N, C-alpha and C. Protein backbone atom coordinates (compact mmCIF):
# COMPACT_ATOMS: atom_id res chain seq x y z
N MET A 1 124.51 111.08 1.14
CA MET A 1 124.20 110.87 -0.26
C MET A 1 125.19 111.60 -1.16
N ALA A 2 125.59 112.79 -0.73
CA ALA A 2 126.56 113.56 -1.51
C ALA A 2 127.90 112.84 -1.57
N GLU A 3 128.29 112.18 -0.48
CA GLU A 3 129.55 111.44 -0.47
C GLU A 3 129.48 110.24 -1.40
N LEU A 4 128.33 109.59 -1.48
CA LEU A 4 128.16 108.44 -2.38
C LEU A 4 128.25 108.88 -3.83
N ILE A 5 127.64 110.00 -4.17
CA ILE A 5 127.70 110.52 -5.53
C ILE A 5 129.12 110.93 -5.87
N ARG A 6 129.82 111.57 -4.94
CA ARG A 6 131.20 111.97 -5.17
C ARG A 6 132.09 110.74 -5.38
N PHE A 7 131.87 109.69 -4.58
CA PHE A 7 132.65 108.46 -4.72
C PHE A 7 132.38 107.79 -6.06
N ALA A 8 131.11 107.74 -6.47
CA ALA A 8 130.74 107.08 -7.72
C ALA A 8 131.30 107.81 -8.93
N THR A 9 131.32 109.12 -8.90
CA THR A 9 131.83 109.88 -10.04
C THR A 9 133.35 109.95 -10.05
N SER A 10 133.99 109.88 -8.91
CA SER A 10 135.45 109.92 -8.90
C SER A 10 136.05 108.57 -9.24
N ASN A 11 135.32 107.49 -9.02
CA ASN A 11 135.78 106.14 -9.36
C ASN A 11 134.87 105.56 -10.42
N PHE A 12 134.83 106.18 -11.58
CA PHE A 12 133.86 105.79 -12.60
C PHE A 12 134.10 104.39 -13.14
N THR A 13 135.34 103.91 -13.15
CA THR A 13 135.58 102.56 -13.65
C THR A 13 135.01 101.51 -12.70
N LEU A 14 135.13 101.75 -11.41
CA LEU A 14 134.52 100.84 -10.44
C LEU A 14 133.00 100.91 -10.52
N THR A 15 132.46 102.10 -10.68
CA THR A 15 131.02 102.27 -10.82
C THR A 15 130.50 101.55 -12.06
N LEU A 16 131.21 101.66 -13.18
CA LEU A 16 130.80 100.98 -14.40
C LEU A 16 130.90 99.46 -14.25
N LEU A 17 131.89 98.98 -13.52
CA LEU A 17 132.00 97.55 -13.27
C LEU A 17 130.80 97.04 -12.48
N VAL A 18 130.43 97.76 -11.43
CA VAL A 18 129.28 97.37 -10.62
C VAL A 18 127.99 97.44 -11.44
N MET A 19 127.86 98.47 -12.27
CA MET A 19 126.67 98.58 -13.12
C MET A 19 126.61 97.42 -14.12
N GLY A 20 127.73 97.04 -14.69
CA GLY A 20 127.77 95.93 -15.64
C GLY A 20 127.41 94.60 -15.00
N VAL A 21 127.93 94.35 -13.80
CA VAL A 21 127.60 93.11 -13.10
C VAL A 21 126.12 93.10 -12.71
N ALA A 22 125.62 94.22 -12.21
CA ALA A 22 124.21 94.29 -11.82
C ALA A 22 123.28 94.09 -13.02
N ALA A 23 123.59 94.73 -14.13
CA ALA A 23 122.77 94.58 -15.33
C ALA A 23 122.84 93.16 -15.87
N GLY A 24 124.01 92.55 -15.84
CA GLY A 24 124.16 91.17 -16.30
C GLY A 24 123.41 90.19 -15.43
N LEU A 25 123.47 90.38 -14.12
CA LEU A 25 122.72 89.51 -13.21
C LEU A 25 121.22 89.66 -13.41
N ARG A 26 120.78 90.87 -13.61
CA ARG A 26 119.35 91.11 -13.79
C ARG A 26 118.86 90.49 -15.10
N CYS A 27 119.62 90.66 -16.15
CA CYS A 27 119.22 90.14 -17.46
C CYS A 27 119.39 88.62 -17.54
N GLY A 28 120.44 88.10 -16.95
CA GLY A 28 120.72 86.67 -17.05
C GLY A 28 119.91 85.80 -16.12
N SER A 29 119.28 86.38 -15.13
CA SER A 29 118.52 85.58 -14.18
C SER A 29 117.09 85.32 -14.64
N ALA A 30 116.74 85.73 -15.83
CA ALA A 30 115.37 85.54 -16.32
C ALA A 30 115.11 84.08 -16.70
N GLN A 31 116.13 83.34 -17.09
CA GLN A 31 115.97 81.93 -17.47
C GLN A 31 115.99 81.03 -16.24
N THR A 32 115.43 79.85 -16.39
CA THR A 32 115.47 78.86 -15.31
C THR A 32 116.00 77.54 -15.87
N GLY A 33 116.44 76.67 -14.99
CA GLY A 33 116.91 75.36 -15.41
C GLY A 33 118.35 75.38 -15.88
N TRP A 34 118.68 74.44 -16.77
CA TRP A 34 120.06 74.29 -17.22
C TRP A 34 120.51 75.43 -18.12
N ARG A 35 119.57 76.14 -18.72
CA ARG A 35 119.93 77.28 -19.59
C ARG A 35 120.34 78.50 -18.78
N GLN A 36 120.03 78.51 -17.49
CA GLN A 36 120.31 79.69 -16.67
C GLN A 36 121.81 79.97 -16.59
N VAL A 37 122.62 78.95 -16.44
CA VAL A 37 124.07 79.16 -16.32
C VAL A 37 124.63 79.75 -17.60
N ARG A 38 124.21 79.22 -18.72
CA ARG A 38 124.69 79.73 -20.01
C ARG A 38 124.24 81.16 -20.25
N LYS A 39 122.96 81.44 -20.02
CA LYS A 39 122.45 82.79 -20.25
C LYS A 39 123.06 83.79 -19.26
N LEU A 40 123.25 83.34 -18.02
CA LEU A 40 123.84 84.23 -17.03
C LEU A 40 125.28 84.58 -17.39
N SER A 41 126.05 83.59 -17.82
CA SER A 41 127.44 83.88 -18.19
C SER A 41 127.52 84.76 -19.43
N GLU A 42 126.64 84.54 -20.40
CA GLU A 42 126.62 85.40 -21.59
C GLU A 42 126.23 86.83 -21.23
N ALA A 43 125.22 86.97 -20.37
CA ALA A 43 124.77 88.31 -20.00
C ALA A 43 125.84 89.04 -19.19
N LEU A 44 126.49 88.33 -18.26
CA LEU A 44 127.55 88.96 -17.47
C LEU A 44 128.70 89.43 -18.35
N LEU A 45 129.11 88.60 -19.29
CA LEU A 45 130.20 88.98 -20.18
C LEU A 45 129.81 90.15 -21.08
N ALA A 46 128.60 90.09 -21.63
CA ALA A 46 128.15 91.15 -22.54
C ALA A 46 128.05 92.50 -21.82
N TYR A 47 127.44 92.51 -20.65
CA TYR A 47 127.29 93.77 -19.94
C TYR A 47 128.60 94.24 -19.32
N PHE A 48 129.48 93.30 -18.96
CA PHE A 48 130.80 93.68 -18.48
C PHE A 48 131.56 94.41 -19.57
N VAL A 49 131.55 93.85 -20.78
CA VAL A 49 132.25 94.48 -21.90
C VAL A 49 131.60 95.81 -22.26
N LEU A 50 130.27 95.85 -22.26
CA LEU A 50 129.58 97.09 -22.61
C LEU A 50 129.94 98.22 -21.66
N PHE A 51 129.81 97.97 -20.37
CA PHE A 51 130.02 99.05 -19.42
C PHE A 51 131.49 99.33 -19.16
N THR A 52 132.29 98.32 -18.86
CA THR A 52 133.67 98.58 -18.45
C THR A 52 134.60 98.89 -19.61
N VAL A 53 134.28 98.45 -20.82
CA VAL A 53 135.14 98.73 -21.95
C VAL A 53 134.56 99.84 -22.81
N ALA A 54 133.38 99.64 -23.35
CA ALA A 54 132.81 100.59 -24.31
C ALA A 54 132.48 101.94 -23.67
N VAL A 55 131.77 101.94 -22.59
CA VAL A 55 131.37 103.20 -21.96
C VAL A 55 132.58 103.91 -21.36
N ALA A 56 133.49 103.16 -20.75
CA ALA A 56 134.68 103.77 -20.16
C ALA A 56 135.57 104.41 -21.22
N TYR A 57 135.76 103.72 -22.35
CA TYR A 57 136.58 104.30 -23.42
C TYR A 57 135.90 105.51 -24.06
N PHE A 58 134.60 105.44 -24.21
CA PHE A 58 133.88 106.59 -24.76
C PHE A 58 134.02 107.79 -23.82
N TYR A 59 133.92 107.55 -22.51
CA TYR A 59 134.11 108.61 -21.53
C TYR A 59 135.51 109.21 -21.65
N ASN A 60 136.52 108.36 -21.79
CA ASN A 60 137.89 108.86 -21.93
C ASN A 60 138.08 109.66 -23.21
N ILE A 61 137.46 109.23 -24.30
CA ILE A 61 137.55 109.99 -25.55
C ILE A 61 136.95 111.38 -25.38
N VAL A 62 135.78 111.45 -24.78
CA VAL A 62 135.11 112.74 -24.58
C VAL A 62 135.95 113.65 -23.70
N VAL A 63 136.48 113.11 -22.62
CA VAL A 63 137.29 113.93 -21.70
C VAL A 63 138.57 114.41 -22.38
N HIS A 64 139.26 113.53 -23.10
CA HIS A 64 140.53 113.93 -23.70
C HIS A 64 140.36 114.87 -24.88
N VAL A 65 139.29 114.74 -25.64
CA VAL A 65 139.12 115.57 -26.83
C VAL A 65 138.44 116.90 -26.48
N PHE A 66 137.35 116.85 -25.76
CA PHE A 66 136.56 118.06 -25.53
C PHE A 66 136.96 118.84 -24.27
N PHE A 67 137.57 118.17 -23.31
CA PHE A 67 138.00 118.84 -22.08
C PHE A 67 139.51 118.70 -21.92
N SER A 68 140.23 118.90 -23.01
CA SER A 68 141.68 118.69 -23.00
C SER A 68 142.42 119.71 -22.13
N GLU A 69 141.90 120.91 -22.04
CA GLU A 69 142.56 121.93 -21.21
C GLU A 69 142.59 121.52 -19.75
N ALA A 70 141.48 121.03 -19.25
CA ALA A 70 141.43 120.57 -17.86
C ALA A 70 142.34 119.36 -17.66
N GLY A 71 142.41 118.51 -18.66
CA GLY A 71 143.29 117.34 -18.57
C GLY A 71 144.75 117.71 -18.53
N ARG A 72 145.12 118.71 -19.31
CA ARG A 72 146.52 119.18 -19.29
C ARG A 72 146.87 119.76 -17.94
N GLU A 73 145.96 120.50 -17.34
CA GLU A 73 146.22 121.05 -16.02
C GLU A 73 146.28 119.95 -14.96
N PHE A 74 145.42 118.94 -15.08
CA PHE A 74 145.40 117.86 -14.11
C PHE A 74 146.69 117.05 -14.16
N HIS A 75 147.18 116.78 -15.36
CA HIS A 75 148.39 115.98 -15.52
C HIS A 75 149.65 116.83 -15.56
N ARG A 76 149.52 118.13 -15.40
CA ARG A 76 150.65 119.08 -15.39
C ARG A 76 151.49 118.98 -16.66
N LEU A 77 150.81 119.02 -17.79
CA LEU A 77 151.51 118.91 -19.08
C LEU A 77 151.82 120.26 -19.71
N GLY A 78 151.36 121.31 -19.12
CA GLY A 78 151.64 122.64 -19.66
C GLY A 78 150.90 122.88 -20.96
N GLY A 79 151.61 123.35 -21.98
CA GLY A 79 150.98 123.67 -23.25
C GLY A 79 151.05 122.56 -24.29
N GLN A 80 151.41 121.37 -23.89
CA GLN A 80 151.54 120.28 -24.86
C GLN A 80 150.17 119.80 -25.31
N PRO A 81 149.95 119.69 -26.61
CA PRO A 81 148.65 119.26 -27.12
C PRO A 81 148.48 117.74 -27.19
N VAL A 82 148.95 117.04 -26.17
CA VAL A 82 148.92 115.58 -26.20
C VAL A 82 147.53 115.02 -25.89
N GLN A 83 146.68 115.78 -25.24
CA GLN A 83 145.36 115.28 -24.86
C GLN A 83 144.50 114.95 -26.08
N ALA A 84 144.53 115.79 -27.10
CA ALA A 84 143.74 115.51 -28.31
C ALA A 84 144.29 114.29 -29.04
N GLU A 85 145.60 114.08 -29.00
CA GLU A 85 146.19 112.90 -29.63
C GLU A 85 145.79 111.64 -28.90
N VAL A 86 145.71 111.71 -27.58
CA VAL A 86 145.31 110.54 -26.79
C VAL A 86 143.84 110.21 -27.09
N GLY A 87 142.99 111.24 -27.20
CA GLY A 87 141.58 111.01 -27.50
C GLY A 87 141.41 110.43 -28.87
C-alpha cells in the first residue's frame, strides 16, 4: 500500500488523469439510451479538463510559489528567484 501511495503522489499527472476518467465514467453512465453517448462524452471531457488541467496547474502554482526553495534545490537553480516567476 505504501508503494501505491508513493507511486500515486510521485506521478500526480497520471493520477489526476485516472481520477478524471473515473469521475467522468461514473457521472456519464447515469443516462440510458441514445443520450448516454452524449452525456458520457461531455462528462469525460469536463472531468478530464477539471482534473488534468485545472487541478494540475493549481498544484504547480502552489508548489512554485509557496515551496520555491525546494523547487530551486530540485532543479539545481541555486539562488535564482525563477520559481516565483513561474508560479
